């Protein structure tokens, strides 16, 4: 296994990270200060749809190219995309000077409602309570949503709370989770003009 990040210029909140293992070959490119454009190919259509929510509602330019052992199942592909995306965010955010740090969002879709709260704390932690009403949505195993976010959290160094408050349709449940995640990311990573070039922590580092 190897993960190879590129070097980012000061103030340039972009990253390119590659992850190559015996199970997956993945390249992720992000621009935190983008316009929400996406170029996605994971081999799992519904997963691409969820990644598109992150890009469009987070206003993050996102390119994910993944080839995985889908002849087995989607587990390695989804988890490894989460890991690689987390690495890319950690690189692009850098020392976290001037960001809001915290973000939260509630997102509804018909009968479904989800809440996501995130802290770019430097400490990985995931609480996820999403009682999916179906095990599969298209070719996507809903259990893998947890694996995606666990991979992201561990490698982005964030604390993440995800709660699906209402929902009867698994597609709606998943979509509200990913949209709320995107909006929370956008809030947390916005530059705080009042804060200036300061790390948002009494410890002086995150």
Protein backbone atom coordinates (compact mmCIF):
# COMPACT_ATOMS: atom_id res chain seq x y z
CA UNK A 1 0.00 0.00 0.00
CA UNK A 2 1.14 3.55 -0.66
CA UNK A 3 -0.43 7.00 -0.54
CA UNK A 4 1.34 9.80 -2.37
CA UNK A 5 0.29 13.41 -1.76
CA UNK A 6 1.38 16.39 -3.85
CA UNK A 7 2.80 19.60 -2.41
CA UNK A 8 0.35 22.50 -2.09
CA UNK A 9 1.33 26.14 -2.39
CA UNK A 10 0.80 28.41 0.65
CA UNK A 11 -2.80 29.54 0.71
CA UNK A 12 -3.68 27.11 -2.07
CA UNK A 13 -6.33 24.80 -0.62
CA UNK A 14 -5.95 22.02 -3.16
CA UNK A 15 -4.57 18.53 -3.01
CA UNK A 16 -3.94 15.47 -5.13
CA UNK A 17 -3.58 12.12 -3.36
CA UNK A 18 -3.06 8.67 -4.82
CA UNK A 19 -3.62 5.39 -3.01
CA UNK A 20 -2.53 2.15 -4.59
CA UNK A 21 -3.02 -1.23 -2.93
CA UNK A 22 -3.61 -4.80 -4.05
CA UNK A 23 -7.34 -4.05 -3.72
CA UNK A 24 -7.78 -0.53 -5.11
CA UNK A 25 -6.10 2.15 -7.22
CA UNK A 26 -7.46 5.58 -6.37
CA UNK A 27 -6.67 9.18 -7.27
CA UNK A 28 -8.47 12.04 -5.53
CA UNK A 29 -8.12 15.71 -6.44
CA UNK A 30 -9.86 18.46 -4.45
CA UNK A 31 -10.12 22.22 -4.42
CA UNK A 32 -11.79 23.37 -1.20
CA UNK A 33 -12.44 26.81 -2.68
CA UNK A 34 -14.02 25.49 -5.84
CA UNK A 35 -17.39 25.85 -7.55
CA UNK A 36 -18.82 22.39 -6.90
CA UNK A 37 -17.70 20.66 -10.09
CA UNK A 38 -17.28 16.89 -10.00
CA UNK A 39 -15.64 14.21 -12.12
CA UNK A 40 -16.38 10.87 -10.51
CA UNK A 41 -15.77 7.25 -11.45
CA UNK A 42 -15.82 4.57 -8.75
CA UNK A 43 -17.72 1.84 -10.55
CA UNK A 44 -20.61 2.19 -8.06
CA UNK A 45 -23.25 4.47 -9.51
CA UNK A 46 -25.03 5.41 -6.28
CA UNK A 47 -21.71 6.11 -4.55
CA UNK A 48 -20.78 8.48 -7.39
CA UNK A 49 -24.14 10.18 -6.82
CA UNK A 50 -23.32 10.65 -3.11
CA UNK A 51 -19.84 12.01 -3.85
CA UNK A 52 -21.48 14.45 -6.24
CA UNK A 53 -23.55 15.76 -3.31
CA UNK A 54 -20.32 16.50 -1.41
CA UNK A 55 -18.95 18.48 -4.35
CA UNK A 56 -22.08 20.42 -5.26
CA UNK A 57 -23.37 21.26 -1.79
CA UNK A 58 -19.91 21.80 -0.31
CA UNK A 59 -18.77 23.95 -3.26
CA UNK A 60 -15.72 21.70 -3.49
CA UNK A 61 -14.21 20.75 -6.84
CA UNK A 62 -13.83 17.00 -6.61
CA UNK A 63 -12.25 14.46 -8.94
CA UNK A 64 -12.31 10.82 -7.83
CA UNK A 65 -11.03 8.05 -10.06
CA UNK A 66 -11.17 4.62 -8.45
CA UNK A 67 -10.62 1.10 -9.71
CA UNK A 68 -11.35 -1.56 -7.11
CA UNK A 69 -12.10 -5.23 -6.65
CA UNK A 70 -15.82 -4.87 -7.29
CA UNK A 71 -15.96 -8.52 -8.35
CA UNK A 72 -15.78 -9.19 -4.58
CA UNK A 73 -17.96 -6.32 -3.37
CA UNK A 74 -17.83 -2.55 -2.89
CA UNK A 75 -16.25 -2.54 0.57
CA UNK A 76 -12.62 -1.89 -0.34
CA UNK A 77 -13.49 0.72 -2.95
CA UNK A 78 -15.81 2.75 -0.72
CA UNK A 79 -13.57 2.55 2.35
CA UNK A 80 -10.42 3.43 0.41
CA UNK A 81 -12.07 6.39 -1.28
CA UNK A 82 -12.99 7.63 2.22
CA UNK A 83 -9.37 7.20 3.35
CA UNK A 84 -7.95 8.96 0.30
CA UNK A 85 -10.47 11.79 0.48
CA UNK A 86 -9.62 12.27 4.15
CA UNK A 87 -5.92 12.46 3.31
CA UNK A 88 -6.66 15.02 0.61
CA UNK A 89 -8.65 17.23 2.99
CA UNK A 90 -5.94 17.03 5.65
CA UNK A 91 -3.37 18.15 3.10
CA UNK A 92 -5.51 20.89 1.56
CA UNK A 93 -6.59 22.40 4.89
CA UNK A 94 -3.01 22.56 6.15
CA UNK A 95 -2.45 24.22 9.54
CA UNK A 96 -6.12 25.33 9.70
CA UNK A 97 -5.32 28.98 10.27
CA UNK A 98 -8.35 31.21 9.77
CA UNK A 99 -11.00 28.52 9.30
CA UNK A 100 -14.25 28.43 11.26
CA UNK A 101 -13.34 24.88 12.37
CA UNK A 102 -16.89 23.86 13.32
CA UNK A 103 -19.73 23.19 10.90
CA UNK A 104 -23.24 21.82 11.15
CA UNK A 105 -26.23 21.27 8.89
CA UNK A 106 -29.73 19.86 8.85
CA UNK A 107 -30.92 18.64 5.45
CA UNK A 108 -34.40 17.30 4.59
CA UNK A 109 -35.51 15.26 1.59
CA UNK A 110 -39.21 14.47 1.62
CA UNK A 111 -39.76 12.31 4.73
CA UNK A 112 -36.04 12.06 5.59
CA UNK A 113 -34.08 14.48 7.78
CA UNK A 114 -30.42 14.25 8.77
CA UNK A 115 -28.09 16.29 10.96
CA UNK A 116 -24.31 16.40 10.59
CA UNK A 117 -21.87 18.22 12.89
CA UNK A 118 -18.12 18.39 12.21
CA UNK A 119 -15.07 19.69 14.04
CA UNK A 120 -11.66 19.95 12.35
CA UNK A 121 -10.17 19.14 15.73
CA UNK A 122 -7.19 17.06 14.66
CA UNK A 123 -8.73 14.19 16.64
CA UNK A 124 -10.52 11.45 14.70
CA UNK A 125 -13.89 10.44 16.08
CA UNK A 126 -17.10 9.21 14.48
CA UNK A 127 -20.58 8.89 15.91
CA UNK A 128 -23.02 7.70 13.26
CA UNK A 129 -26.63 6.73 13.85
CA UNK A 130 -28.40 6.01 10.57
CA UNK A 131 -31.00 3.20 10.72
CA UNK A 132 -31.15 2.48 7.00
CA UNK A 133 -34.46 0.98 5.92
CA UNK A 134 -32.83 -1.07 3.19
CA UNK A 135 -29.54 -2.93 2.89
CA UNK A 136 -28.97 -1.88 -0.71
CA UNK A 137 -29.59 1.23 -2.79
CA UNK A 138 -28.87 0.31 -6.38
CA UNK A 139 -25.45 -1.34 -6.26
CA UNK A 140 -24.49 0.38 -3.00
CA UNK A 141 -24.47 -1.54 0.28
CA UNK A 142 -25.78 0.97 2.85
CA UNK A 143 -23.46 -0.52 5.52
CA UNK A 144 -20.58 0.98 3.55
CA UNK A 145 -21.66 4.54 4.35
CA UNK A 146 -20.18 3.98 7.81
CA UNK A 147 -16.95 2.60 6.32
CA UNK A 148 -16.63 5.65 4.06
CA UNK A 149 -17.04 8.12 6.90
CA UNK A 150 -14.79 6.11 9.24
CA UNK A 151 -12.04 6.17 6.63
CA UNK A 152 -12.52 9.89 6.09
CA UNK A 153 -12.52 10.72 9.81
CA UNK A 154 -9.40 8.69 10.57
CA UNK A 155 -7.35 10.38 7.88
CA UNK A 156 -8.78 13.91 7.86
CA UNK A 157 -8.45 14.11 11.65
CA UNK A 158 -11.97 15.33 12.32
CA UNK A 159 -14.71 14.67 14.85
CA UNK A 160 -17.93 13.84 13.01
CA UNK A 161 -21.46 13.28 14.31
CA UNK A 162 -24.06 11.98 11.85
CA UNK A 163 -27.68 11.41 12.84
CA UNK A 164 -30.56 10.47 10.59
CA UNK A 165 -33.50 11.85 12.55
CA UNK A 166 -36.29 10.64 10.25
CA UNK A 167 -36.48 8.51 7.14
CA UNK A 168 -38.36 5.64 5.53
CA UNK A 169 -36.58 5.49 2.17
CA UNK A 170 -32.91 4.45 2.23
CA UNK A 171 -32.08 6.57 -0.83
CA UNK A 172 -33.48 9.63 0.91
CA UNK A 173 -31.71 8.77 4.15
CA UNK A 174 -28.33 8.46 2.45
CA UNK A 175 -28.79 11.57 0.35
CA UNK A 176 -29.71 13.75 3.33
CA UNK A 177 -26.62 12.45 5.18
CA UNK A 178 -24.23 13.24 2.33
CA UNK A 179 -25.81 16.62 1.62
CA UNK A 180 -25.67 17.60 5.28
CA UNK A 181 -22.05 16.42 5.43
CA UNK A 182 -21.26 18.66 2.46
CA UNK A 183 -22.91 21.70 4.01
CA UNK A 184 -21.19 21.11 7.35
CA UNK A 185 -17.82 20.82 5.56
CA UNK A 186 -18.47 24.06 3.73
CA UNK A 187 -19.26 25.91 6.95
CA UNK A 188 -16.30 24.51 8.88
CA UNK A 189 -13.80 25.29 6.14
CA UNK A 190 -14.96 28.84 5.40
CA UNK A 191 -12.39 31.50 6.19
CA UNK A 192 -13.37 33.52 9.26
CA UNK A 193 -12.55 37.15 8.47
CA UNK A 194 -12.79 38.14 12.13
CA UNK A 195 -10.34 35.44 13.12
CA UNK A 196 -7.74 36.35 10.53
CA UNK A 197 -4.57 34.26 10.27
CA UNK A 198 -5.06 32.51 13.60
CA UNK A 199 -5.57 28.85 14.45
CA UNK A 200 -9.04 28.48 16.08
CA UNK A 201 -7.88 26.78 19.27
CA UNK A 202 -6.75 27.90 22.73
CA UNK A 203 -3.95 25.34 22.40
CA UNK A 204 -2.50 27.19 19.41
CA UNK A 205 -2.56 24.13 17.18
CA UNK A 206 -5.02 21.61 15.80
